[in-house]
Amino acid sequence: MLIDENVLKIISETLRMVGEVMIAYTAIRVHYRFRKEHKIDADVFASMKREQGTGIAGIIFLVAGYLLQIFILL
């Protein structure tokens, strides 16, 4: 194996954790902005669109971590 199995496990767990934190952060930010504004206007929609990108990146990290775990098991 080119890369040590323990290094792959650390990378995989790190990606998973970062992905989970990014998704949680996105949800918290959207709820905070909506609670603060009490309405959905163009600014709130713009924030939601930016934060959607963070959520998608988090999902990508989760999938990458999962794929690394599968690779380790092979």
Protein backbone atom coordinates (compact mmCIF):
# COMPACT_ATOMS: atom_id res chain seq x y z
CA MET A 1 0.00 0.00 0.00
CA LEU A 2 1.35 3.43 -0.93
CA ILE A 3 -0.07 5.25 2.08
CA ASP A 4 -0.09 3.89 5.61
CA GLU A 5 -3.52 2.60 6.66
CA ASN A 6 -3.49 4.67 9.87
CA VAL A 7 -2.87 7.86 7.88
CA LEU A 8 -5.86 7.05 5.65
CA LYS A 9 -8.02 6.44 8.72
CA ILE A 10 -7.02 9.79 10.21
CA ILE A 11 -7.73 11.60 6.92
CA SER A 12 -11.07 9.81 6.59
CA GLU A 13 -12.19 10.66 10.12
CA THR A 14 -11.02 14.25 9.70
CA LEU A 15 -13.02 14.65 6.47
CA ARG A 16 -16.08 13.16 8.15
CA MET A 17 -15.80 15.44 11.15
CA VAL A 18 -15.20 18.57 9.03
CA GLY A 19 -18.18 17.65 6.83
CA GLU A 20 -20.47 17.22 9.83
CA VAL A 21 -19.35 20.52 11.33
CA MET A 22 -19.86 22.34 8.02
CA ILE A 23 -23.41 21.00 7.65
CA ALA A 24 -24.23 21.89 11.27
CA TYR A 25 -22.75 25.37 10.80
CA THR A 26 -24.87 25.90 7.70
CA ALA A 27 -28.07 24.95 9.51
CA ILE A 28 -27.23 27.15 12.49
CA ARG A 29 -26.39 30.17 10.30
CA VAL A 30 -29.63 29.88 8.29
CA HIS A 31 -31.73 29.63 11.44
CA TYR A 32 -29.87 32.53 13.07
CA ARG A 33 -30.30 34.77 10.03
CA PHE A 34 -34.00 33.96 9.73
CA ARG A 35 -34.56 34.52 13.47
CA LYS A 36 -32.69 37.83 13.33
CA GLU A 37 -34.47 39.15 10.24
CA HIS A 38 -37.97 37.73 10.96
CA LYS A 39 -38.57 37.71 7.22
CA ILE A 40 -37.12 36.26 4.06
CA ASP A 41 -35.87 38.97 1.74
CA ALA A 42 -33.13 39.24 -0.90
CA ASP A 43 -30.37 39.45 1.75
CA VAL A 44 -31.59 36.33 3.52
CA PHE A 45 -31.85 34.47 0.21
CA ALA A 46 -28.30 35.53 -0.69
CA SER A 47 -27.01 34.27 2.66
CA MET A 48 -28.90 31.01 2.24
CA LYS A 49 -27.41 30.52 -1.22
CA ARG A 50 -23.84 31.06 0.10
CA GLU A 51 -24.45 28.76 3.04
CA GLN A 52 -25.90 26.13 0.71
CA GLY A 53 -22.43 25.91 -0.84
CA THR A 54 -20.95 25.25 2.60
CA GLY A 55 -23.48 22.49 3.17
CA ILE A 56 -22.68 20.89 -0.20
CA ALA A 57 -18.96 21.02 0.58
CA GLY A 58 -19.70 19.32 3.90
CA ILE A 59 -21.57 16.54 2.12
CA ILE A 60 -18.65 16.09 -0.27
CA PHE A 61 -16.29 15.74 2.71
CA LEU A 62 -18.60 13.13 4.26
CA VAL A 63 -18.69 11.12 1.04
CA ALA A 64 -14.91 11.40 0.63
CA GLY A 65 -14.40 10.17 4.19
CA TYR A 66 -16.76 7.27 3.55
CA LEU A 67 -14.97 6.30 0.34
CA LEU A 68 -11.63 6.36 2.16
CA GLN A 69 -13.05 4.05 4.81
CA ILE A 70 -14.21 1.64 2.09
CA PHE A 71 -10.79 1.84 0.41
CA ILE A 72 -9.12 0.94 3.71
CA LEU A 73 -11.34 -2.14 4.07
CA LEU A 74 -10.49 -3.47 0.60
